[in-house]
C-alpha atoms as a PDB file:
ATOM      1  CA  MET A   1     -37.167-150.386 -44.546  1.00  0.00           C
ATOM      2  CA  TYR A   2     -39.919-150.681 -42.013  1.00  0.00           C
ATOM      3  CA  ILE A   3     -39.033-149.734 -38.455  1.00  0.00           C
ATOM      4  CA  PRO A   4     -41.440-150.676 -35.755  1.00  0.00           C
ATOM      5  CA  PHE A   5     -43.080-147.813 -33.877  1.00  0.00           C
ATOM      6  CA  ARG A   6     -41.471-148.821 -30.599  1.00  0.00           C
ATOM      7  CA  LYS A   7     -37.992-148.493 -32.155  1.00  0.00           C
ATOM      8  CA  GLN A   8     -38.845-145.126 -33.679  1.00  0.00           C
ATOM      9  CA  ILE A   9     -39.611-143.755 -30.245  1.00  0.00           C
ATOM     10  CA  LEU A  10     -36.315-145.025 -28.919  1.00  0.00           C
ATOM     11  CA  MET A  11     -34.375-143.383 -31.808  1.00  0.00           C
ATOM     12  CA  LEU A  12     -35.717-139.829 -31.200  1.00  0.00           C
ATOM     13  CA  PRO A  13     -33.003-138.799 -28.646  1.00  0.00           C
ATOM     14  CA  VAL A  14     -30.277-139.882 -31.060  1.00  0.00           C
ATOM     15  CA  LEU A  15     -31.722-137.830 -33.912  1.00  0.00           C
ATOM     16  CA  ALA A  16     -32.015-134.727 -31.719  1.00  0.00           C
ATOM     17  CA  VAL A  17     -28.328-134.932 -30.728  1.00  0.00           C
ATOM     18  CA  SER A  18     -27.336-135.311 -34.364  1.00  0.00           C
ATOM     19  CA  LEU A  19     -29.302-132.233 -35.478  1.00  0.00           C
ATOM     20  CA  SER A  20     -27.784-130.063 -32.719  1.00  0.00           C
ATOM     21  CA  VAL A  21     -24.264-131.054 -33.803  1.00  0.00           C
ATOM     22  CA  ASN A  22     -24.943-130.177 -37.425  1.00  0.00           C
ATOM     23  CA  ALA A  23     -26.340-126.738 -36.459  1.00  0.00           C
ATOM     24  CA  ALA A  24     -23.209-126.001 -34.390  1.00  0.00           C
ATOM     25  CA  ASP A  25     -21.003-126.917 -37.327  1.00  0.00           C
ATOM     26  CA  LEU A  26     -22.893-124.575 -39.637  1.00  0.00           C
ATOM     27  CA  ALA A  27     -22.629-121.722 -37.125  1.00  0.00           C
ATOM     28  CA  GLY A  28     -18.864-122.295 -36.799  1.00  0.00           C
ATOM     29  CA  GLN A  29     -18.406-121.988 -40.560  1.00  0.00           C
ATOM     30  CA  ASN A  30     -19.819-118.325 -40.560  1.00  0.00           C
ATOM     31  CA  ILE A  31     -21.966-118.928 -43.603  1.00  0.00           C
ATOM     32  CA  ALA A  32     -24.132-115.884 -44.343  1.00  0.00           C
ATOM     33  CA  PRO A  33     -27.823-116.568 -44.527  1.00  0.00           C
ATOM     34  CA  LEU A  34     -29.533-116.409 -47.849  1.00  0.00           C
ATOM     35  CA  GLY A  35     -30.589-112.855 -48.842  1.00  0.00           C
ATOM     36  CA  ALA A  36     -27.946-111.176 -46.606  1.00  0.00           C
ATOM     37  CA  ASP A  37     -26.111-108.113 -48.265  1.00  0.00           C
ATOM     38  CA  SER A  38     -22.373-108.243 -48.616  1.00  0.00           C
ATOM     39  CA  GLY A  39     -20.096-105.211 -48.083  1.00  0.00           C
ATOM     40  CA  SER A  40     -19.873-104.484 -51.800  1.00  0.00           C
ATOM     41  CA  ALA A  41     -23.629-104.702 -52.138  1.00  0.00           C
ATOM     42  CA  ARG A  42     -24.038-102.151 -49.354  1.00  0.00           C
ATOM     43  CA  SER A  43     -21.585 -99.699 -50.962  1.00  0.00           C
ATOM     44  CA  THR A  44     -23.236 -99.798 -54.385  1.00  0.00           C
ATOM     45  CA  PRO A  45     -26.369 -97.766 -53.385  1.00  0.00           C
ATOM     46  CA  ASP A  46     -24.175 -95.165 -51.633  1.00  0.00           C
ATOM     47  CA  VAL A  47     -22.112 -94.542 -54.781  1.00  0.00           C
ATOM     48  CA  SER A  48     -25.227 -94.332 -56.940  1.00  0.00           C
ATOM     49  CA  SER A  49     -26.806 -91.828 -54.554  1.00  0.00           C
ATOM     50  CA  GLN A  50     -23.708 -89.631 -54.634  1.00  0.00           C
ATOM     51  CA  LEU A  51     -23.586 -89.701 -58.433  1.00  0.00           C
ATOM     52  CA  LEU A  52     -27.290 -88.871 -58.669  1.00  0.00           C
ATOM     53  CA  PHE A  53     -26.844 -85.945 -56.255  1.00  0.00           C
ATOM     54  CA  GLN A  54     -23.901 -84.594 -58.273  1.00  0.00           C
ATOM     55  CA  VAL A  55     -25.856 -84.855 -61.524  1.00  0.00           C
ATOM     56  CA  GLN A  56     -28.808 -83.018 -60.008  1.00  0.00           C
ATOM     57  CA  GLN A  57     -26.507 -80.315 -58.662  1.00  0.00           C
ATOM     58  CA  LEU A  58     -24.906 -79.863 -62.091  1.00  0.00           C
ATOM     59  CA  GLN A  59     -28.347 -79.642 -63.669  1.00  0.00           C
ATOM     60  CA  ARG A  60     -29.333 -76.890 -61.245  1.00  0.00           C
ATOM     61  CA  GLU A  61     -26.140 -74.954 -61.971  1.00  0.00           C
ATOM     62  CA  VAL A  62     -26.663 -75.277 -65.732  1.00  0.00           C
ATOM     63  CA  GLN A  63     -30.241 -74.032 -65.361  1.00  0.00           C
ATOM     64  CA  MET A  64     -29.035 -71.044 -63.327  1.00  0.00           C
ATOM     65  CA  LEU A  65     -26.465 -70.193 -65.994  1.00  0.00           C
ATOM     66  CA  ARG A  66     -29.103 -70.540 -68.709  1.00  0.00           C
ATOM     67  CA  ASP A  67     -31.454 -68.177 -66.846  1.00  0.00           C
ATOM     68  CA  HIS A  68     -28.626 -65.652 -66.425  1.00  0.00           C
ATOM     69  CA  VAL A  69     -27.806 -65.794 -70.123  1.00  0.00           C
ATOM     70  CA  GLU A  70     -31.468 -65.273 -71.021  1.00  0.00           C
ATOM     71  CA  GLN A  71     -31.673 -62.240 -68.719  1.00  0.00           C
ATOM     72  CA  GLN A  72     -28.571 -60.746 -70.290  1.00  0.00           C
ATOM     73  CA  ALA A  73     -29.976 -61.352 -73.770  1.00  0.00           C
ATOM     74  CA  GLN A  74     -33.242 -59.620 -72.838  1.00  0.00           C
ATOM     75  CA  LEU A  75     -31.321 -56.656 -71.421  1.00  0.00           C
ATOM     76  CA  ILE A  76     -29.237 -56.343 -74.575  1.00  0.00           C
ATOM     77  CA  ASN A  77     -32.354 -56.499 -76.749  1.00  0.00           C
ATOM     78  CA  GLN A  78     -34.029 -53.800 -74.646  1.00  0.00           C
ATOM     79  CA  LEU A  79     -30.985 -51.542 -74.938  1.00  0.00           C
ATOM     80  CA  GLN A  80     -30.924 -52.065 -78.689  1.00  0.00           C
ATOM     81  CA  ARG A  81     -34.630 -51.202 -78.957  1.00  0.00           C
ATOM     82  CA  ASP A  82     -34.185 -48.064 -76.831  1.00  0.00           C
ATOM     83  CA  SER A  83     -31.234 -46.949 -78.924  1.00  0.00           C
ATOM     84  CA  ARG A  84     -33.171 -47.532 -82.138  1.00  0.00           C
ATOM     85  CA  ASP A  85     -36.176 -45.634 -80.797  1.00  0.00           C
ATOM     86  CA  ARG A  86     -34.023 -42.660 -79.828  1.00  0.00           C
ATOM     87  CA  TYR A  87     -32.420 -42.632 -83.260  1.00  0.00           C
ATOM     88  CA  LEU A  88     -35.775 -42.814 -85.031  1.00  0.00           C
ATOM     89  CA  ASP A  89     -37.204 -40.081 -82.807  1.00  0.00           C
ATOM     90  CA  ALA A  90     -34.261 -37.784 -83.560  1.00  0.00           C
ATOM     91  CA  ASP A  91     -34.587 -38.520 -87.273  1.00  0.00           C
ATOM     92  CA  ARG A  92     -38.312 -37.736 -87.229  1.00  0.00           C
ATOM     93  CA  ARG A  93     -37.720 -34.513 -85.366  1.00  0.00           C
ATOM     94  CA  LEU A  94     -35.112 -33.395 -87.885  1.00  0.00           C
ATOM     95  CA  SER A  95     -37.464 -34.259 -90.739  1.00  0.00           C
ATOM     96  CA  ASP A  96     -40.287 -32.282 -89.111  1.00  0.00           C
ATOM     97  CA  ILE A  97     -38.035 -29.263 -88.665  1.00  0.00           C
ATOM     98  CA  SER A  98     -36.917 -29.481 -92.297  1.00  0.00           C
ATOM     99  CA  ARG A  99     -40.506 -29.690 -93.561  1.00  0.00           C
ATOM    100  CA  GLU A 100     -41.593 -26.814 -91.338  1.00  0.00           C
ATOM    101  CA  ILE A 101     -38.791 -24.584 -92.572  1.00  0.00           C
ATOM    102  CA  THR A 102     -39.618 -25.475 -96.191  1.00  0.00           C
ATOM    103  CA  VAL A 103     -43.286 -24.604 -95.687  1.00  0.00           C
ATOM    104  CA  LEU A 104     -42.452 -21.316 -94.000  1.00  0.00           C
ATOM    105  CA  ARG A 105     -40.096 -20.358 -96.818  1.00  0.00           C
ATOM    106  CA  LYS A 106     -42.757 -20.983 -99.458  1.00  0.00           C
ATOM    107  CA  ARG A 107     -45.457 -18.811 -97.964  1.00  0.00           C
ATOM    108  CA  PRO A 108     -45.554 -15.474 -96.178  1.00  0.00           C
ATOM    109  CA  VAL A 109     -46.140 -15.560 -92.469  1.00  0.00           C
ATOM    110  CA  ALA A 110     -49.110 -13.577 -91.226  1.00  0.00           C
ATOM    111  CA  PRO A 111     -48.500 -11.462 -88.164  1.00  0.00           C
ATOM    112  CA  ALA A 112     -49.347 -13.324 -84.996  1.00  0.00           C
ATOM    113  CA  ALA A 113     -51.830 -11.883 -82.584  1.00  0.00           C
ATOM    114  CA  VAL A 114     -50.130 -10.749 -79.419  1.00  0.00           C
ATOM    115  CA  ASN A 115     -51.700 -12.683 -76.550  1.00  0.00           C
ATOM    116  CA  LEU A 116     -49.546 -12.037 -73.527  1.00  0.00           C
ATOM    117  CA  PRO A 117     -50.616 -12.437 -69.923  1.00  0.00           C
ATOM    118  CA  PRO A 118     -50.362  -9.326 -67.760  1.00  0.00           C
ATOM    119  CA  ALA A 119     -47.017  -8.740 -66.146  1.00  0.00           C
ATOM    120  CA  VAL A 120     -46.851  -9.854 -62.527  1.00  0.00           C
ATOM    121  CA  ASN A 121     -45.807  -7.119 -60.123  1.00  0.00           C
ATOM    122  CA  GLY A 122     -44.119  -7.671 -56.807  1.00  0.00           C
ATOM    123  CA  PRO A 123     -41.270  -9.986 -55.816  1.00  0.00           C
ATOM    124  CA  ALA A 124     -41.100 -13.132 -57.882  1.00  0.00           C
ATOM    125  CA  GLN A 125     -40.285 -16.525 -56.447  1.00  0.00           C
ATOM    126  CA  THR A 126     -36.739 -17.680 -56.873  1.00  0.00           C
ATOM    127  CA  PRO A 127     -36.469 -20.563 -59.349  1.00  0.00           C
ATOM    128  CA  VAL A 128     -34.869 -23.773 -58.155  1.00  0.00           C
ATOM    129  CA  SER A 129     -32.781 -24.661 -61.172  1.00  0.00           C
ATOM    130  CA  VAL A 130     -32.404 -23.794 -64.822  1.00  0.00           C
ATOM    131  CA  ALA A 131     -32.837 -27.496 -65.545  1.00  0.00           C
ATOM    132  CA  GLN A 132     -36.552 -27.053 -64.850  1.00  0.00           C
ATOM    133  CA  VAL A 133     -36.771 -24.767 -67.864  1.00  0.00           C
ATOM    134  CA  THR A 134     -35.315 -27.365 -70.229  1.00  0.00           C
ATOM    135  CA  THR A 135     -37.002 -30.611 -69.252  1.00  0.00           C
ATOM    136  CA  THR A 136     -38.579 -31.301 -72.658  1.00  0.00           C
ATOM    137  CA  ALA A 137     -37.080 -32.126 -76.033  1.00  0.00           C
ATOM    138  CA  SER A 138     -36.241 -28.487 -76.814  1.00  0.00           C
ATOM    139  CA  ASN A 139     -32.705 -27.327 -76.149  1.00  0.00           C
ATOM    140  CA  ASP A 140     -30.525 -24.286 -76.723  1.00  0.00           C
ATOM    141  CA  THR A 141     -28.807 -25.707 -79.827  1.00  0.00           C
ATOM    142  CA  GLN A 142     -32.117 -26.342 -81.575  1.00  0.00           C
ATOM    143  CA  ASP A 143     -33.468 -22.890 -80.767  1.00  0.00           C
ATOM    144  CA  GLN A 144     -30.279 -21.196 -81.899  1.00  0.00           C
ATOM    145  CA  THR A 145     -30.456 -23.208 -85.116  1.00  0.00           C
ATOM    146  CA  VAL A 146     -34.041 -22.076 -85.694  1.00  0.00           C
ATOM    147  CA  ALA A 147     -32.995 -18.504 -85.059  1.00  0.00           C
ATOM    148  CA  ALA A 148     -30.148 -18.796 -87.538  1.00  0.00           C
ATOM    149  CA  GLU A 149     -32.322 -20.367 -90.238  1.00  0.00           C
ATOM    150  CA  ALA A 150     -35.436 -18.198 -89.824  1.00  0.00           C
ATOM    151  CA  PRO A 151     -36.385 -16.967 -93.322  1.00  0.00           C
ATOM    152  CA  ALA A 152     -37.190 -13.366 -94.149  1.00  0.00           C
ATOM    153  CA  SER A 153     -40.883 -12.763 -94.760  1.00  0.00           C
ATOM    154  CA  ALA A 154     -42.660  -9.421 -94.631  1.00  0.00           C
ATOM    155  CA  GLN A 155     -39.689  -7.805 -92.902  1.00  0.00           C
ATOM    156  CA  SER A 156     -36.702  -6.238 -94.575  1.00  0.00           C
ATOM    157  CA  SER A 157     -33.369  -8.059 -94.420  1.00  0.00           C
ATOM    158  CA  SER A 158     -31.967  -5.755 -91.758  1.00  0.00           C
ATOM    159  CA  SER A 159     -35.030  -6.039 -89.495  1.00  0.00           C
ATOM    160  CA  GLN A 160     -35.023  -9.862 -89.773  1.00  0.00           C
ATOM    161  CA  VAL A 161     -31.432  -9.950 -88.590  1.00  0.00           C
ATOM    162  CA  SER A 162     -32.457  -7.717 -85.719  1.00  0.00           C
ATOM    163  CA  ALA A 163     -35.235 -10.174 -84.806  1.00  0.00           C
ATOM    164  CA  LYS A 164     -32.779 -13.083 -84.690  1.00  0.00           C
ATOM    165  CA  GLU A 165     -30.408 -11.080 -82.541  1.00  0.00           C
ATOM    166  CA  ALA A 166     -33.224 -10.107 -80.164  1.00  0.00           C
ATOM    167  CA  TYR A 167     -34.323 -13.725 -79.858  1.00  0.00           C
ATOM    168  CA  GLN A 168     -30.802 -14.978 -79.212  1.00  0.00           C
ATOM    169  CA  SER A 169     -30.280 -12.237 -76.645  1.00  0.00           C
ATOM    170  CA  ALA A 170     -33.407 -13.336 -74.772  1.00  0.00           C
ATOM    171  CA  TYR A 171     -32.365 -16.972 -74.869  1.00  0.00           C
ATOM    172  CA  ALA A 172     -28.916 -16.092 -73.555  1.00  0.00           C
ATOM    173  CA  LEU A 173     -30.611 -14.663 -70.457  1.00  0.00           C
ATOM    174  CA  VAL A 174     -32.317 -18.025 -69.916  1.00  0.00           C
ATOM    175  CA  LYS A 175     -29.017 -19.886 -70.046  1.00  0.00           C
ATOM    176  CA  THR A 176     -27.473 -17.517 -67.511  1.00  0.00           C
ATOM    177  CA  LYS A 177     -30.492 -17.927 -65.161  1.00  0.00           C
ATOM    178  CA  GLN A 178     -31.562 -14.285 -65.418  1.00  0.00           C
ATOM    179  CA  PHE A 179     -35.179 -15.337 -65.574  1.00  0.00           C
ATOM    180  CA  ASP A 180     -36.838 -12.011 -64.784  1.00  0.00           C
ATOM    181  CA  LYS A 181     -34.889 -10.231 -67.511  1.00  0.00           C
ATOM    182  CA  ALA A 182     -35.545 -13.132 -69.883  1.00  0.00           C
ATOM    183  CA  ILE A 183     -39.301 -12.769 -69.342  1.00  0.00           C
ATOM    184  CA  GLU A 184     -39.135  -9.064 -70.147  1.00  0.00           C
ATOM    185  CA  SER A 185     -36.986  -9.765 -73.189  1.00  0.00           C
ATOM    186  CA  TYR A 186     -39.338 -12.408 -74.611  1.00  0.00           C
ATOM    187  CA  ARG A 187     -42.398 -10.241 -74.017  1.00  0.00           C
ATOM    188  CA  GLY A 188     -40.693  -7.386 -75.825  1.00  0.00           C
ATOM    189  CA  PHE A 189     -39.689  -9.695 -78.690  1.00  0.00           C
ATOM    190  CA  ILE A 190     -43.272 -10.928 -79.175  1.00  0.00           C
ATOM    191  CA  THR A 191     -44.610  -7.393 -79.201  1.00  0.00           C
ATOM    192  CA  THR A 192     -41.940  -5.986 -81.521  1.00  0.00           C
ATOM    193  CA  TYR A 193     -41.524  -8.855 -84.006  1.00  0.00           C
ATOM    194  CA  GLN A 194     -45.063 -10.147 -84.417  1.00  0.00           C
ATOM    195  CA  ASP A 195     -44.430 -11.525 -87.933  1.00  0.00           C
ATOM    196  CA  SER A 196     -41.198 -13.340 -87.074  1.00  0.00           C
ATOM    197  CA  THR A 197     -41.101 -17.103 -87.467  1.00  0.00           C
ATOM    198  CA  LEU A 198     -39.520 -17.244 -84.013  1.00  0.00           C
ATOM    199  CA  VAL A 199     -42.645 -15.992 -82.252  1.00  0.00           C
ATOM    200  CA  PRO A 200     -43.898 -19.541 -81.389  1.00  0.00           C
ATOM    201  CA  ASN A 201     -40.521 -20.331 -79.832  1.00  0.00           C
ATOM    202  CA  ALA A 202     -40.601 -17.087 -77.872  1.00  0.00           C
ATOM    203  CA  TYR A 203     -44.074 -17.905 -76.540  1.00  0.00           C
ATOM    204  CA  TYR A 204     -42.936 -21.381 -75.544  1.00  0.00           C
ATOM    205  CA  TRP A 205     -39.894 -20.196 -73.602  1.00  0.00           C
ATOM    206  CA  LEU A 206     -41.949 -17.485 -71.975  1.00  0.00           C
ATOM    207  CA  GLY A 207     -44.270 -20.229 -70.729  1.00  0.00           C
ATOM    208  CA  GLU A 208     -41.295 -22.232 -69.436  1.00  0.00           C
ATOM    209  CA  LEU A 209     -40.077 -19.189 -67.520  1.00  0.00           C
ATOM    210  CA  TYR A 210     -43.494 -18.589 -65.983  1.00  0.00           C
ATOM    211  CA  LEU A 211     -43.643 -22.263 -65.037  1.00  0.00           C
ATOM    212  CA  VAL A 212     -40.294 -22.270 -63.260  1.00  0.00           C
ATOM    213  CA  LYS A 213     -41.274 -19.042 -61.484  1.00  0.00           C
ATOM    214  CA  LYS A 214     -44.450 -20.887 -60.350  1.00  0.00           C
ATOM    215  CA  GLN A 215     -46.683 -18.338 -62.062  1.00  0.00           C
ATOM    216  CA  LEU A 216     -48.956 -21.115 -63.261  1.00  0.00           C
ATOM    217  CA  GLN A 217     -51.837 -19.013 -64.543  1.00  0.00           C
ATOM    218  CA  GLN A 218     -49.549 -17.031 -66.850  1.00  0.00           C
ATOM    219  CA  ALA A 219     -47.783 -20.218 -67.950  1.00  0.00           C
ATOM    220  CA  GLU A 220     -51.097 -21.881 -68.842  1.00  0.00           C
ATOM    221  CA  GLN A 221     -52.168 -18.881 -70.928  1.00  0.00           C
ATOM    222  CA  VAL A 222     -48.888 -18.782 -72.871  1.00  0.00           C
ATOM    223  CA  PHE A 223     -48.720 -22.545 -73.537  1.00  0.00           C
ATOM    224  CA  SER A 224     -52.357 -22.462 -74.696  1.00  0.00           C
ATOM    225  CA  THR A 225     -51.387 -19.721 -77.155  1.00  0.00           C
ATOM    226  CA  VAL A 226     -48.651 -21.947 -78.588  1.00  0.00           C
ATOM    227  CA  VAL A 227     -51.050 -24.871 -79.034  1.00  0.00           C
ATOM    228  CA  ASN A 228     -53.983 -22.889 -80.447  1.00  0.00           C
ATOM    229  CA  SER A 229     -52.277 -20.145 -82.480  1.00  0.00           C
ATOM    230  CA  PHE A 230     -49.270 -22.007 -83.903  1.00  0.00           C
ATOM    231  CA  PRO A 231     -50.417 -25.560 -84.743  1.00  0.00           C
ATOM    232  CA  LEU A 232     -47.516 -26.103 -87.180  1.00  0.00           C
ATOM    233  CA  SER A 233     -44.825 -25.206 -84.653  1.00  0.00           C
ATOM    234  CA  ARG A 234     -42.576 -27.971 -83.394  1.00  0.00           C
ATOM    235  CA  LYS A 235     -43.122 -26.559 -79.901  1.00  0.00           C
ATOM    236  CA  VAL A 236     -46.784 -27.631 -79.860  1.00  0.00           C
ATOM    237  CA  PRO A 237     -46.259 -31.186 -78.456  1.00  0.00           C
ATOM    238  CA  ASP A 238     -44.064 -29.912 -75.634  1.00  0.00           C
ATOM    239  CA  ALA A 239     -46.424 -27.024 -74.869  1.00  0.00           C
ATOM    240  CA  SER A 240     -49.363 -29.443 -74.776  1.00  0.00           C
ATOM    241  CA  TYR A 241     -47.478 -31.675 -72.332  1.00  0.00           C
ATOM    242  CA  LYS A 242     -46.652 -28.687 -70.121  1.00  0.00           C
ATOM    243  CA  LEU A 243     -50.359 -27.834 -69.958  1.00  0.00           C
ATOM    244  CA  GLY A 244     -50.940 -31.292 -68.485  1.00  0.00           C
ATOM    245  CA  LEU A 245     -48.282 -30.628 -65.835  1.00  0.00           C
ATOM    246  CA  ILE A 246     -49.894 -27.312 -64.968  1.00  0.00           C
ATOM    247  CA  TYR A 247     -53.284 -28.997 -64.517  1.00  0.00           C
ATOM    248  CA  ALA A 248     -51.677 -31.560 -62.215  1.00  0.00           C
ATOM    249  CA  ARG A 249     -49.929 -28.898 -60.142  1.00  0.00           C
ATOM    250  CA  THR A 250     -53.154 -26.961 -59.712  1.00  0.00           C
ATOM    251  CA  GLY A 251     -55.024 -30.016 -58.411  1.00  0.00           C
ATOM    252  CA  GLN A 252     -56.946 -30.748 -61.640  1.00  0.00           C
ATOM    253  CA  GLU A 253     -55.884 -34.381 -61.745  1.00  0.00           C
ATOM    254  CA  ASP A 254     -58.640 -35.616 -64.094  1.00  0.00           C
ATOM    255  CA  LYS A 255     -57.971 -32.780 -66.509  1.00  0.00           C
ATOM    256  CA  ALA A 256     -54.242 -33.520 -66.331  1.00  0.00           C
ATOM    257  CA  LYS A 257     -54.804 -37.192 -67.222  1.00  0.00           C
ATOM    258  CA  THR A 258     -57.063 -36.208 -70.115  1.00  0.00           C
ATOM    259  CA  GLN A 259     -54.446 -33.775 -71.412  1.00  0.00           C
ATOM    260  CA  MET A 260     -51.662 -36.370 -71.181  1.00  0.00           C
ATOM    261  CA  GLY A 261     -53.791 -38.851 -73.096  1.00  0.00           C
ATOM    262  CA  LEU A 262     -54.378 -36.209 -75.761  1.00  0.00           C
ATOM    263  CA  VAL A 263     -50.633 -35.659 -76.100  1.00  0.00           C
ATOM    264  CA  ILE A 264     -50.031 -39.392 -76.560  1.00  0.00           C
ATOM    265  CA  LYS A 265     -52.824 -39.703 -79.135  1.00  0.00           C
ATOM    266  CA  THR A 266     -52.058 -36.536 -81.113  1.00  0.00           C
ATOM    267  CA  TYR A 267     -48.237 -36.639 -81.067  1.00  0.00           C
ATOM    268  CA  PRO A 268     -47.412 -40.356 -80.645  1.00  0.00           C
ATOM    269  CA  ASP A 269     -43.853 -40.243 -81.989  1.00  0.00           C
ATOM    270  CA  THR A 270     -42.548 -37.386 -79.873  1.00  0.00           C
ATOM    271  CA  THR A 271     -40.595 -37.077 -76.665  1.00  0.00           C
ATOM    272  CA  ALA A 272     -43.566 -35.237 -75.158  1.00  0.00           C
ATOM    273  CA  ALA A 273     -45.729 -38.327 -75.736  1.00  0.00           C
ATOM    274  CA  LYS A 274     -43.200 -40.513 -73.922  1.00  0.00           C
ATOM    275  CA  LEU A 275     -43.115 -38.095 -70.994  1.00  0.00           C
ATOM    276  CA  ALA A 276     -46.914 -38.080 -70.903  1.00  0.00           C
ATOM    277  CA  ALA A 277     -46.969 -41.884 -70.882  1.00  0.00           C
ATOM    278  CA  ASN A 278     -44.495 -41.929 -67.991  1.00  0.00           C
ATOM    279  CA  TYR A 279     -46.723 -39.514 -66.077  1.00  0.00           C
ATOM    280  CA  LEU A 280     -49.775 -41.723 -66.537  1.00  0.00           C
ATOM    281  CA  GLU A 281     -47.827 -44.826 -65.481  1.00  0.00           C
ATOM    282  CA  GLN A 282     -46.680 -43.149 -62.289  1.00  0.00           C
END
C-alpha cells in the first residue's frame, strides 16, 4: 500500500519506539548470541588436551623402557662375547701347549746358548708387589705343569728329574717374594741345565724378576733372548709384549708403539696381543 512521504516522516518516531521495546525483550530473555560457546563446548578442549598430554607422557615412558631394554641386551651380548673369547683363548693356549710338547718329544733338543746379562752388584731396589711379576698370561700352575711334563732328551732320567726339581725350587722363591734368591736360582738353572726344555721358561721368569727389580737393561736382554733363541716357546708372545713395556719405561715411546703393533700382528690370538692393544688405546 502506498503511503505518502509526509506520513512516512510522521511514522518514524513510532517505529523507533517499537524497535527499542523489541531489543529490551530479547535482552531480558538471555538468549546467547550466535557463535557463543556453551559450558560443555568449553570443557571439551580441556579434556582432549589432558588426554593428549597423558598419551604423550606414556609414549615417553615406553620409549625410555625400550631404550633401557636395548642397553641391557647390548650389555648381555658383550658379556657373552667376552666369555666366548676367553674360552676360545684358553682353548687355543692349551692346544698350543699340547702341540709344543708333542714336537719336543719327537725331536732332541739342542743345548741352548747361555746368554745371561752380568749380575748386578750392590743393593737392589725393593720390588713393590709380586703381582708385577705375574701380569701376563703365564701363571704358577702352567709353569709347574710344564715342569712336570718336560720330556727327557739328551739327559739321563735322574738328571732330568733334577732339572725339574731345580726349576720348581726357583719358581717357589718367586711365589714367596724372595726375588734376589730367585734370580740367582734361575741363572744357575740356565747355566747347569742348558739342554732342558724348561730353559725358555727360566729365561722368561728371570726377565720378569729383572723387570720388577727395575733392572731394565738386564730385563731387555733376557726377554730378547726368549724371543730370538726360542721362537717355538709359548713364552715368546709375553716376552715380546714385555719388551714393549721396557721401551716405554725407558722413554722410547715410538719404539714401544712399534713393538706393541708387532705383538698384535704376530700373535693376534693371545693375551699378550690384547694387552698390547690396550696399551695402544691408552
